[in-house]
N, C-alpha and C. Protein backbone atom coordinates (compact mmCIF):
# COMPACT_ATOMS: atom_id res chain seq x y z
N UNK A 1 0.63 -0.87 -0.27
CA UNK A 1 0.20 0.05 -0.15
C UNK A 1 1.19 1.71 -0.02
N UNK A 2 0.42 2.10 -0.96
CA UNK A 2 1.12 3.74 -0.96
C UNK A 2 0.23 4.45 -0.84
N UNK A 3 0.88 5.51 -0.25
CA UNK A 3 -0.01 6.60 0.15
C UNK A 3 1.29 7.89 -0.61
N UNK A 4 0.48 8.66 -1.28
CA UNK A 4 1.41 9.89 -1.48
C UNK A 4 0.09 11.58 -1.51
N UNK A 5 -1.12 10.92 -0.62
CA UNK A 5 -2.02 12.09 -0.79
C UNK A 5 -1.95 12.37 0.62
N UNK A 6 -1.10 12.37 2.16
CA UNK A 6 -1.07 12.41 3.05
C UNK A 6 -2.70 11.74 3.46
N UNK A 7 -3.15 10.17 2.85
CA UNK A 7 -4.35 10.40 3.67
C UNK A 7 -4.47 10.00 5.20
N UNK A 8 -5.25 10.07 5.37
CA UNK A 8 -5.58 9.69 7.19
C UNK A 8 -6.47 8.47 7.10
N UNK A 9 -6.25 8.25 8.62
CA UNK A 9 -7.00 6.58 9.03
C UNK A 9 -7.56 6.57 10.15
N UNK A 10 -8.42 5.97 10.85
CA UNK A 10 -9.05 6.00 11.83
C UNK A 10 -8.72 4.61 12.55
N UNK A 11 -8.28 4.26 13.32
CA UNK A 11 -8.22 2.80 13.95
C UNK A 11 -9.04 2.30 14.93
N UNK A 12 -10.07 1.91 14.85
CA UNK A 12 -10.93 1.30 16.42
C UNK A 12 -10.21 0.32 17.16
N UNK A 13 -10.71 0.25 18.41
CA UNK A 13 -9.43 -0.19 19.33
C UNK A 13 -8.06 -0.56 18.92
N UNK A 14 -7.32 0.46 18.80
CA UNK A 14 -6.44 0.53 18.15
C UNK A 14 -4.97 0.73 19.31
N UNK A 15 -5.63 0.99 20.71
CA UNK A 15 -5.07 1.03 21.63
C UNK A 15 -3.60 -0.23 22.51
N UNK A 16 -4.42 -1.27 21.47
CA UNK A 16 -4.02 -2.78 21.79
C UNK A 16 -3.87 -4.04 20.89
N UNK A 17 -2.99 -4.87 20.67
CA UNK A 17 -2.42 -6.03 20.38
C UNK A 17 -2.85 -5.76 18.61
N UNK A 18 -3.24 -5.86 18.03
CA UNK A 18 -3.41 -5.74 16.53
C UNK A 18 -3.55 -4.50 16.04
N UNK A 19 -4.65 -3.85 17.02
CA UNK A 19 -4.64 -2.36 16.65
C UNK A 19 -3.41 -1.92 16.53
N UNK A 20 -2.22 -1.91 17.23
CA UNK A 20 -1.76 -0.99 17.77
C UNK A 20 -0.26 -1.81 16.49
N UNK A 21 -0.43 -2.48 16.07
CA UNK A 21 0.42 -2.94 14.93
C UNK A 21 0.39 -2.35 13.66
N UNK A 22 -1.11 -1.85 13.52
CA UNK A 22 -1.80 -1.53 12.09
C UNK A 22 -1.72 0.10 12.12
N UNK A 23 -1.06 0.48 13.60
CA UNK A 23 -1.34 2.21 13.59
C UNK A 23 0.25 2.39 13.01
N UNK A 24 0.91 1.63 13.47
CA UNK A 24 2.56 1.88 13.60
C UNK A 24 2.57 1.74 11.87
N UNK A 25 1.95 0.47 11.38
CA UNK A 25 2.19 -0.10 10.03
C UNK A 25 1.75 1.11 8.95
N UNK A 26 0.78 1.87 9.49
CA UNK A 26 0.12 3.10 8.83
C UNK A 26 0.91 4.47 8.69
N UNK A 27 1.52 4.74 9.89
CA UNK A 27 2.83 6.00 9.78
C UNK A 27 3.66 5.83 9.20
N UNK A 28 3.94 4.26 9.37
CA UNK A 28 5.12 3.80 7.98
C UNK A 28 5.12 4.12 6.60
N UNK A 29 3.58 4.61 6.19
CA UNK A 29 2.97 4.58 4.58
C UNK A 29 2.93 5.69 5.09
N UNK A 30 3.08 6.70 5.97
CA UNK A 30 2.54 7.99 5.83
C UNK A 30 0.89 8.39 5.91
N UNK A 31 0.37 7.63 6.49
CA UNK A 31 -0.83 8.20 6.84
C UNK A 31 -0.73 8.55 8.39
N UNK A 32 -1.38 9.70 8.23
CA UNK A 32 -1.96 10.41 9.60
C UNK A 32 -2.96 9.58 10.06
N UNK A 33 -2.60 8.66 11.58
CA UNK A 33 -4.08 8.02 12.12
C UNK A 33 -4.28 8.77 13.62
N UNK A 34 -5.60 8.62 13.64
CA UNK A 34 -6.55 8.51 14.60
C UNK A 34 -7.12 7.13 15.06
N UNK A 35 -6.22 7.12 16.63
CA UNK A 35 -6.41 5.92 17.25
C UNK A 35 -7.79 6.13 18.16
N UNK A 36 -8.67 5.21 17.83
CA UNK A 36 -9.68 5.19 18.72
C UNK A 36 -10.22 4.14 19.56
N UNK A 37 -10.39 4.29 21.03
CA UNK A 37 -10.41 3.21 21.85
C UNK A 37 -11.49 3.41 22.56
N UNK A 38 -12.27 2.82 23.21
CA UNK A 38 -12.70 2.84 24.94
C UNK A 38 -12.00 3.93 25.73
N UNK A 39 -11.03 3.89 25.91
CA UNK A 39 -9.90 4.21 26.98
C UNK A 39 -8.56 4.37 26.27
N UNK A 40 -8.16 5.91 26.33
CA UNK A 40 -6.53 6.26 25.78
C UNK A 40 -5.54 5.81 27.37
N UNK A 41 -4.92 5.11 27.20
CA UNK A 41 -4.05 5.26 28.73
C UNK A 41 -2.48 5.78 27.74
N UNK A 42 -2.25 6.91 28.35
CA UNK A 42 -1.22 7.83 27.78
C UNK A 42 0.06 7.05 28.23
N UNK A 43 0.23 5.72 28.92
CA UNK A 43 1.59 5.57 28.28
C UNK A 43 1.92 4.57 27.12
N UNK A 44 0.78 3.60 26.97
CA UNK A 44 0.66 3.05 25.81
C UNK A 44 0.53 4.18 24.33
N UNK A 45 0.02 5.63 25.00
CA UNK A 45 -0.07 6.22 23.75
C UNK A 45 1.59 6.53 23.43
N UNK A 46 2.33 6.79 24.52
CA UNK A 46 3.79 7.37 24.43
C UNK A 46 4.09 6.41 23.73
N UNK A 47 4.44 5.27 24.30
CA UNK A 47 5.08 4.02 23.36
C UNK A 47 4.46 3.84 21.64
N UNK A 48 3.42 4.19 21.66
CA UNK A 48 3.16 3.94 20.11
C UNK A 48 3.94 5.25 19.30
N UNK A 49 3.59 6.34 20.01
CA UNK A 49 4.17 7.51 19.07
C UNK A 49 5.66 7.23 18.88
N UNK A 50 6.33 6.73 20.42
CA UNK A 50 7.76 5.99 19.76
C UNK A 50 8.17 5.27 19.00
N UNK A 51 7.21 4.26 18.77
CA UNK A 51 7.49 3.73 17.57
C UNK A 51 6.67 3.66 16.15
N UNK A 52 6.08 4.84 16.06
CA UNK A 52 5.73 5.34 14.80
C UNK A 52 6.83 5.62 14.08
N UNK A 53 6.71 5.94 12.35
CA UNK A 53 7.88 6.57 11.70
C UNK A 53 7.71 7.91 12.27
N UNK A 54 8.68 8.09 12.28
CA UNK A 54 9.51 9.92 11.94
C UNK A 54 8.53 10.68 11.35
N UNK A 55 7.85 11.63 12.12
CA UNK A 55 7.23 12.53 11.48
C UNK A 55 6.13 11.90 11.35
N UNK A 56 5.64 10.85 12.23
CA UNK A 56 3.81 10.59 11.70
C UNK A 56 3.01 11.51 12.85
N UNK A 57 1.91 11.56 12.68
CA UNK A 57 0.74 12.38 12.90
C UNK A 57 0.20 11.52 13.62
N UNK A 58 0.33 11.26 14.78
CA UNK A 58 -0.93 10.52 15.74
C UNK A 58 -1.42 11.32 16.57
N UNK A 59 -2.96 10.97 16.24
CA UNK A 59 -4.43 11.45 17.42
C UNK A 59 -5.10 10.42 18.50
N UNK A 60 -5.29 10.56 19.62
CA UNK A 60 -5.78 9.58 19.91
C UNK A 60 -7.64 10.41 20.49
N UNK A 61 -8.38 9.13 20.27
CA UNK A 61 -9.81 9.30 20.47
C UNK A 61 -10.36 8.68 21.26
N UNK A 62 -10.86 8.96 22.39
CA UNK A 62 -11.90 7.63 23.24
C UNK A 62 -13.08 8.11 22.63
N UNK A 63 -13.81 6.67 22.15
CA UNK A 63 -14.51 6.44 21.32
C UNK A 63 -15.13 4.79 21.34
N UNK A 64 -16.27 5.10 21.88
CA UNK A 64 -16.88 3.20 21.81
C UNK A 64 -17.67 3.46 21.02
N UNK A 65 -17.72 2.48 19.53
CA UNK A 65 -18.44 2.48 18.89
C UNK A 65 -19.76 1.52 19.29
N UNK A 66 -19.32 0.81 19.96
CA UNK A 66 -20.12 0.18 21.07
C UNK A 66 -21.68 0.10 21.77
N UNK A 67 -21.48 1.69 21.71
CA UNK A 67 -22.61 2.79 22.79
C UNK A 67 -23.61 2.73 21.50
N UNK A 68 -23.65 2.15 20.26
CA UNK A 68 -24.82 2.15 18.94
C UNK A 68 -24.41 1.09 18.66
N UNK A 69 -25.19 0.21 19.71
CA UNK A 69 -25.05 -0.99 19.47
C UNK A 69 -25.98 -1.42 18.28
N UNK A 70 -27.29 -0.87 18.30
CA UNK A 70 -28.46 -1.02 17.55
C UNK A 70 -28.04 -0.90 16.25
N UNK A 71 -27.19 0.11 15.68
CA UNK A 71 -27.27 0.99 14.23
C UNK A 71 -26.49 -0.06 14.04
N UNK A 72 -25.28 -0.41 14.50
CA UNK A 72 -24.15 -0.94 13.92
C UNK A 72 -24.61 -2.59 13.08
N UNK A 73 -25.66 -3.19 14.24
CA UNK A 73 -26.56 -4.34 13.88
C UNK A 73 -27.29 -3.90 12.57
N UNK A 74 -28.42 -3.02 12.93
CA UNK A 74 -28.93 -2.42 11.49
C UNK A 74 -28.10 -2.57 10.07
N UNK A 75 -26.72 -2.21 10.24
CA UNK A 75 -26.27 -2.14 9.01
C UNK A 75 -25.29 -3.32 8.50
N UNK A 76 -25.30 -4.52 9.24
CA UNK A 76 -24.65 -6.12 9.39
C UNK A 76 -25.66 -6.69 8.54
N UNK A 77 -26.70 -6.79 9.55
CA UNK A 77 -28.16 -7.37 8.58
C UNK A 77 -28.31 -6.44 7.29
N UNK A 78 -28.42 -5.23 7.09
CA UNK A 78 -28.52 -4.80 5.74
C UNK A 78 -27.67 -5.72 4.98
N UNK A 79 -26.29 -5.61 5.12
CA UNK A 79 -25.24 -6.14 4.39
C UNK A 79 -25.52 -7.46 3.93
N UNK A 80 -26.00 -8.54 5.35
CA UNK A 80 -26.46 -10.14 5.41
C UNK A 80 -27.24 -10.21 4.47
N UNK A 81 -28.37 -9.39 4.67
CA UNK A 81 -29.26 -9.62 3.92
C UNK A 81 -29.45 -9.94 2.47
N UNK A 82 -28.73 -9.30 1.85
CA UNK A 82 -28.33 -8.98 0.55
C UNK A 82 -28.92 -7.56 0.18
N UNK A 83 -29.22 -6.84 0.91
CA UNK A 83 -30.17 -5.37 0.66
C UNK A 83 -29.22 -4.32 0.13
N UNK A 84 -27.34 -4.52 -0.27
CA UNK A 84 -26.75 -3.51 -0.84
C UNK A 84 -26.50 -4.25 -2.38
N UNK A 85 -26.76 -3.46 -3.09
CA UNK A 85 -26.63 -4.56 -4.59
C UNK A 85 -25.26 -3.90 -5.34
N UNK A 86 -24.73 -4.57 -6.05
CA UNK A 86 -23.44 -3.41 -6.71
C UNK A 86 -22.36 -3.31 -5.31
N UNK A 87 -22.40 -4.05 -4.79
CA UNK A 87 -20.79 -3.90 -3.15
C UNK A 87 -20.25 -4.94 -3.53
N UNK A 88 -20.21 -5.65 -4.40
CA UNK A 88 -19.28 -7.01 -4.37
C UNK A 88 -17.83 -6.44 -4.16
N UNK A 89 -16.80 -6.72 -3.56
CA UNK A 89 -15.61 -6.37 -2.96
C UNK A 89 -15.44 -5.02 -2.57
N UNK A 90 -16.44 -4.56 -2.19
CA UNK A 90 -16.68 -2.94 -1.60
C UNK A 90 -16.34 -3.04 -0.18
N UNK A 91 -15.56 -1.91 0.63
CA UNK A 91 -15.58 -1.83 2.03
C UNK A 91 -16.34 -1.30 2.34
N UNK A 92 -17.49 -1.55 3.27
CA UNK A 92 -18.37 -0.73 3.61
C UNK A 92 -17.99 0.00 4.74
N UNK A 93 -17.71 0.85 5.29
CA UNK A 93 -17.61 1.53 6.45
C UNK A 93 -18.49 1.94 7.33
N UNK A 94 -18.54 1.35 8.53
CA UNK A 94 -19.54 1.37 9.27
C UNK A 94 -19.18 1.71 10.70
N UNK A 95 -19.59 2.87 10.97
CA UNK A 95 -18.02 3.66 11.69
C UNK A 95 -18.87 5.32 12.62
N UNK A 96 -20.37 5.47 11.48
CA UNK A 96 -20.61 6.68 12.18
C UNK A 96 -19.89 7.95 11.70
N UNK A 97 -19.20 7.50 10.96
CA UNK A 97 -19.00 8.77 10.33
C UNK A 97 -17.69 9.26 10.58
N UNK A 98 -16.82 8.15 10.98
CA UNK A 98 -15.61 8.28 11.75
C UNK A 98 -14.80 9.16 10.59
N UNK A 99 -15.01 8.26 9.23
CA UNK A 99 -14.10 8.64 8.20
C UNK A 99 -13.74 9.80 7.32
N UNK A 100 -15.18 10.85 7.82
CA UNK A 100 -15.56 12.33 6.86
C UNK A 100 -14.29 13.32 7.84
N UNK A 101 -13.38 13.34 7.16
CA UNK A 101 -12.39 14.39 7.25
C UNK A 101 -13.37 16.04 7.51
N UNK A 102 -12.96 16.38 8.63
CA UNK A 102 -13.49 17.60 9.33
C UNK A 102 -12.19 18.71 8.93
N UNK A 103 -12.84 20.13 8.81
CA UNK A 103 -12.11 21.57 8.28
C UNK A 103 -11.85 21.82 9.32
């Protein structure tokens, strides 16, 4: 994956395990990353910042998508029911608009 446009990414569950690895990998590909998780541990955030690529821009946001389980469930049910024609191979973001750039 390459990134020449200064793209950004939001990683949910980014404070632990695989999420942490994904965050660091994205920074090494010049992505600006927002790390979203239920809690933001300052020590882990410091470690992630240290391990990120030089010049990487990391932001941390306390966020719990599980607070809206019915909305997520409805989106998944819609996909499972086949009610989204012509989306084969498409990535469907069920993130409440977290991917939208704010200016």
